Protein backbone atom coordinates (compact mmCIF):
# COMPACT_ATOMS: atom_id res chain seq x y z
CA MET A 1 1.91 -10.07 -18.85
CA SER A 2 2.94 -11.90 -15.69
CA ARG A 3 0.70 -14.24 -13.75
CA TYR A 4 0.07 -11.66 -11.02
CA GLN A 5 -0.70 -9.02 -13.63
CA ARG A 6 -3.22 -11.38 -15.21
CA TRP A 7 -4.79 -12.01 -11.82
CA ASN A 8 -5.10 -8.26 -11.22
CA ALA A 9 -6.66 -7.85 -14.65
CA LEU A 10 -9.08 -10.71 -14.11
CA LEU A 11 -10.22 -9.27 -10.79
CA ASP A 12 -10.71 -5.90 -12.46
CA LEU A 13 -12.78 -7.51 -15.21
CA MET A 14 -14.96 -9.39 -12.74
CA PRO A 15 -18.49 -7.89 -12.71
CA GLY A 16 -19.88 -7.17 -9.29
CA ASP A 17 -23.23 -8.82 -9.98
CA GLY A 18 -22.56 -11.31 -12.74
CA GLN A 19 -20.29 -13.94 -14.20
CA LEU A 20 -17.07 -13.43 -16.11
CA THR A 21 -16.79 -16.17 -18.70
CA VAL A 22 -13.56 -17.86 -19.68
CA ALA A 23 -14.10 -16.85 -23.30
CA GLU A 24 -14.63 -13.17 -22.42
CA ALA A 25 -11.55 -13.08 -20.20
CA ALA A 26 -9.35 -14.82 -22.77
CA LYS A 27 -10.40 -12.34 -25.46
CA ALA A 28 -9.89 -9.31 -23.18
CA LEU A 29 -6.43 -10.38 -22.04
CA GLY A 30 -5.25 -11.93 -25.28
CA VAL A 31 -4.36 -15.32 -23.80
CA SER A 32 -5.67 -18.84 -24.24
CA GLN A 33 -8.79 -20.11 -22.52
CA ALA A 34 -6.68 -22.82 -20.88
CA THR A 35 -4.56 -20.12 -19.23
CA ILE A 36 -7.67 -18.32 -17.98
CA ARG A 37 -9.09 -21.56 -16.55
CA ARG A 38 -5.86 -22.16 -14.61
CA ASP A 39 -5.85 -18.56 -13.36
CA LEU A 40 -9.46 -18.75 -12.21
CA ASP A 41 -8.82 -22.07 -10.49
CA GLN A 42 -5.89 -20.52 -8.59
CA LEU A 43 -7.89 -17.42 -7.64
CA ALA A 44 -10.75 -19.64 -6.48
CA GLY A 45 -8.32 -21.65 -4.37
CA GLN A 46 -7.46 -18.45 -2.55
CA GLN A 47 -11.15 -17.53 -2.16
CA LEU A 48 -10.86 -14.44 -4.34
CA VAL A 49 -13.50 -15.72 -6.80
CA THR A 50 -16.06 -18.50 -6.97
CA ARG A 51 -15.70 -20.83 -9.94
CA THR A 52 -18.77 -21.49 -12.03
CA ARG A 53 -19.36 -23.58 -15.11
CA GLY A 54 -17.58 -21.67 -17.88
CA GLY A 55 -16.24 -18.85 -15.72
CA ALA A 56 -16.29 -17.30 -12.25
CA VAL A 57 -18.11 -14.80 -10.07
CA ALA A 58 -16.82 -12.51 -7.35
CA GLY A 59 -19.96 -12.54 -5.25
CA HIS A 60 -18.45 -13.62 -1.94
CA VAL A 61 -15.20 -11.63 -2.04
CA THR A 62 -15.94 -9.32 0.87
CA TYR A 63 -12.45 -8.25 1.88
CA ASP A 64 -9.69 -6.09 0.44
CA LEU A 65 -7.43 -7.66 -2.15
CA PRO A 66 -4.22 -8.87 -0.52
CA LEU A 67 -1.31 -6.52 -0.99
CA ARG A 68 0.55 -8.83 -3.37
CA TYR A 69 -2.28 -8.59 -5.93
CA LYS A 70 -2.10 -4.79 -6.01
CA THR A 71 1.61 -4.40 -6.67
CA ALA A 72 1.28 -4.31 -10.46
CA ARG A 73 -1.36 -1.59 -10.47
CA HIS A 74 -0.10 1.91 -11.30
CA ALA A 75 3.47 0.79 -10.61
CA PRO A 76 5.25 3.73 -12.32
CA GLU A 77 3.04 6.23 -10.50
CA LYS A 78 3.68 4.57 -7.15
CA GLN A 79 7.42 4.64 -7.75
CA ARG A 80 7.39 8.36 -8.59
CA ILE A 81 5.29 9.11 -5.53
CA GLY A 82 7.61 7.01 -3.39
CA ARG A 83 10.66 8.94 -4.54
CA ALA A 84 8.92 12.30 -4.03
CA ALA A 85 7.86 11.42 -0.48
CA ALA A 86 11.24 9.96 0.44
CA ALA A 87 12.95 13.14 -0.78
CA LEU A 88 11.20 15.12 1.97
CA VAL A 89 12.98 13.18 4.72
CA ALA A 90 16.23 14.61 6.08
CA PRO A 91 19.11 12.36 7.22
CA GLY A 92 18.70 11.35 10.83
CA ALA A 93 14.91 11.60 10.75
CA SER A 94 12.43 9.07 12.12
CA VAL A 95 9.67 8.04 9.73
CA ALA A 96 6.51 6.01 10.34
CA LEU A 97 5.24 3.95 7.40
CA ASN A 98 2.02 1.99 7.40
CA GLY A 99 1.26 -0.85 5.00
CA GLY A 100 0.46 -0.53 1.33
CA THR A 101 2.02 -0.68 -2.10
CA THR A 102 2.75 3.07 -2.27
CA THR A 103 4.36 3.21 1.18
CA SER A 104 6.41 0.19 0.15
CA GLU A 105 7.80 2.32 -2.68
CA VAL A 106 8.58 5.08 -0.17
CA ALA A 107 10.55 2.53 1.85
CA ARG A 108 12.50 1.40 -1.22
CA ALA A 109 13.26 5.00 -2.17
CA LEU A 110 14.55 5.76 1.33
CA ALA A 111 16.68 2.62 1.36
CA THR A 112 18.36 3.49 -1.94
CA ARG A 113 18.78 7.26 -1.55
CA PRO A 114 22.48 7.98 -2.18
CA ASP A 115 22.79 10.61 0.57
CA LEU A 116 21.51 8.11 3.15
CA GLN A 117 24.36 5.69 2.40
CA ASP A 118 27.63 6.99 3.81
CA GLY A 119 29.44 3.66 3.70
CA THR A 120 30.02 3.49 7.46
CA GLY A 121 27.21 1.04 8.10
CA ALA A 122 25.57 3.38 10.59
CA PRO A 123 21.82 3.96 10.21
CA ALA A 124 21.03 7.24 8.46
CA VAL A 125 17.27 7.12 8.99
CA THR A 126 14.88 5.32 11.34
CA VAL A 127 11.76 3.66 9.94
CA VAL A 128 8.95 2.73 12.31
CA THR A 129 6.46 0.42 10.64
CA ASN A 130 3.59 -1.94 11.31
CA ALA A 131 3.96 -3.44 7.82
CA MET A 132 5.69 -6.81 7.84
CA ASN A 133 6.69 -6.67 4.17
CA ILE A 134 8.37 -3.27 4.64
CA ALA A 135 10.23 -4.46 7.74
CA ASN A 136 11.36 -7.59 5.92
CA GLU A 137 12.61 -5.64 2.91
CA LEU A 138 14.48 -3.02 4.94
CA ALA A 139 15.98 -5.46 7.46
CA VAL A 140 18.97 -6.07 5.18
CA ARG A 141 19.67 -2.32 4.75
CA PRO A 142 22.39 -1.24 7.22
CA ASN A 143 21.63 2.43 6.55
CA VAL A 144 18.08 2.04 7.88
CA LYS A 145 17.20 1.38 11.52
CA ILE A 146 13.96 -0.60 11.72
CA VAL A 147 11.44 -0.43 14.55
CA VAL A 148 8.53 -2.87 14.18
CA THR A 149 5.43 -2.16 16.22
CA GLY A 150 4.33 -5.69 17.02
CA GLY A 151 0.66 -6.56 17.06
CA VAL A 152 -1.80 -8.95 15.44
CA THR A 153 -1.40 -9.68 11.75
CA ARG A 154 -4.02 -8.56 9.24
CA GLY A 155 -3.28 -10.78 6.25
CA GLN A 156 -5.02 -8.61 3.67
CA SER A 157 -2.53 -5.77 4.12
CA TYR A 158 0.42 -7.47 5.91
CA GLU A 159 -0.08 -4.95 8.72
CA LEU A 160 0.17 -5.42 12.47
CA ILE A 161 -2.74 -3.90 14.36
CA GLY A 162 -4.25 -4.03 17.84
CA PRO A 163 -3.18 -3.05 21.36
CA PHE A 164 0.44 -4.21 21.06
CA ALA A 165 1.00 -1.97 18.04
CA THR A 166 -0.73 0.89 19.86
CA LEU A 167 1.44 0.39 22.95
CA VAL A 168 4.69 0.74 20.98
CA LEU A 169 3.59 3.72 18.90
CA SER A 170 2.29 5.61 21.92
CA GLN A 171 5.84 5.65 23.35
CA LEU A 172 7.48 7.15 20.25
CA SER A 173 8.06 10.64 18.90
CA LEU A 174 8.35 10.82 15.11
CA ASP A 175 9.51 13.38 12.60
CA TRP A 176 7.33 12.07 9.79
CA ALA A 177 4.32 9.84 9.29
CA ILE A 178 4.00 8.82 5.63
CA LEU A 179 0.73 7.00 5.21
CA GLY A 180 -1.20 5.20 2.53
CA VAL A 181 -4.98 5.49 2.87
CA ASP A 182 -8.17 4.21 1.25
CA ALA A 183 -9.80 7.61 0.74
CA LEU A 184 -8.86 11.26 0.99
CA ASP A 185 -11.20 14.24 1.26
CA PRO A 186 -10.26 17.92 1.78
CA ARG A 187 -12.99 18.34 4.38
CA THR A 188 -13.04 15.05 6.29
CA GLY A 189 -9.39 14.09 5.77
CA ALA A 190 -7.91 10.64 5.23
CA SER A 191 -9.70 7.39 6.01
CA ALA A 192 -9.26 3.62 5.93
CA HIS A 193 -11.84 0.86 5.44
CA HIS A 194 -10.66 -1.24 8.38
CA GLU A 195 -11.04 0.23 11.86
CA GLY A 196 -7.87 -1.43 13.16
CA GLU A 197 -5.77 0.07 10.37
CA ALA A 198 -7.47 3.45 10.81
CA SER A 199 -6.61 3.46 14.52
CA ILE A 200 -2.92 2.78 13.85
CA ASN A 201 -2.82 5.39 11.08
CA HIS A 202 -4.34 7.98 13.41
CA LEU A 203 -1.83 7.19 16.14
CA MET A 204 1.12 7.40 13.74
CA ALA A 205 -0.11 10.80 12.56
CA SER A 206 -0.61 12.06 16.11
CA ARG A 207 2.95 11.09 17.12
CA ALA A 208 4.58 12.81 14.11
CA ASP A 209 5.63 16.41 13.58
CA GLN A 210 4.64 16.22 9.91
CA VAL A 211 2.19 13.98 8.08
CA VAL A 212 2.26 13.00 4.40
CA ILE A 213 -0.49 11.08 2.60
CA VAL A 214 0.71 9.16 -0.47
CA ALA A 215 -1.93 8.29 -3.05
CA ASP A 216 -1.87 7.36 -6.75
CA ARG A 217 -5.46 8.34 -7.50
CA ASP A 218 -6.29 10.58 -10.44
CA ALA A 219 -7.25 14.03 -9.22
CA ALA A 220 -8.90 16.87 -11.12
CA PRO A 221 -7.26 20.32 -10.70
CA ASP A 222 -10.24 21.71 -8.81
CA SER A 223 -10.03 18.89 -6.28
CA LEU A 224 -6.38 19.74 -5.62
CA THR A 225 -7.33 23.38 -5.12
CA ALA A 226 -9.73 22.31 -2.39
CA PHE A 227 -6.77 20.88 -0.47
CA THR A 228 -4.45 23.87 -0.95
CA GLU A 229 -7.20 26.25 0.17
CA ARG A 230 -7.21 24.44 3.50
CA GLY A 231 -3.46 24.99 3.88
CA ILE A 232 -2.43 21.51 2.77
CA ARG A 233 0.68 21.28 0.61
CA VAL A 234 0.05 19.20 -2.51
CA ILE A 235 2.95 17.57 -4.37
CA THR A 236 2.33 15.74 -7.65
CA ALA A 237 4.79 13.24 -9.07
């Protein structure tokens, strides 16, 4: 288990209203107590937990986990979803991607799709994104044209939000908007916890001919039926 995987696991183990002890964490993760102490010290240094005598609490963590701490969660599922979403995009299309670990996998799948690499160096697909990590990763891909929205950085998700991002997106017409969200309901639709991210997501969707929501949540068959009954195409990967 890597350090980041341990950090993810520790944050998952952290009770919402109590203390996680070093001994409990070491037993659950199968590592030494010294390793757990170092991990908790590092998490506390980044204000993700509060260190206590013999452990830590998560009482004052009031914001989303930064993107880098989520990358190890459900990684195989995210990769399959990324490939399935990228397969929908035809050569020459323009695609909006917001921030998130699943949309990052969509970006990687687009960048490595064999039919989008003709060897001429000309872009085969245009990606419009407000996610700095996606833009950084795709910048070295000659087969992908990158358009970055601009805006104010939100460190928790590496996304650019605010009026500058809105100004750029409002001038664009897109073939696809492929979006990661915080919640999805067949009646109320997709939603995000942060109003700035929600505003950008809504604008991306409104500027696109087709909208795809990528999510790695477990879903019971009857919940999928609720989506299809409303005319929404559901693809599982």
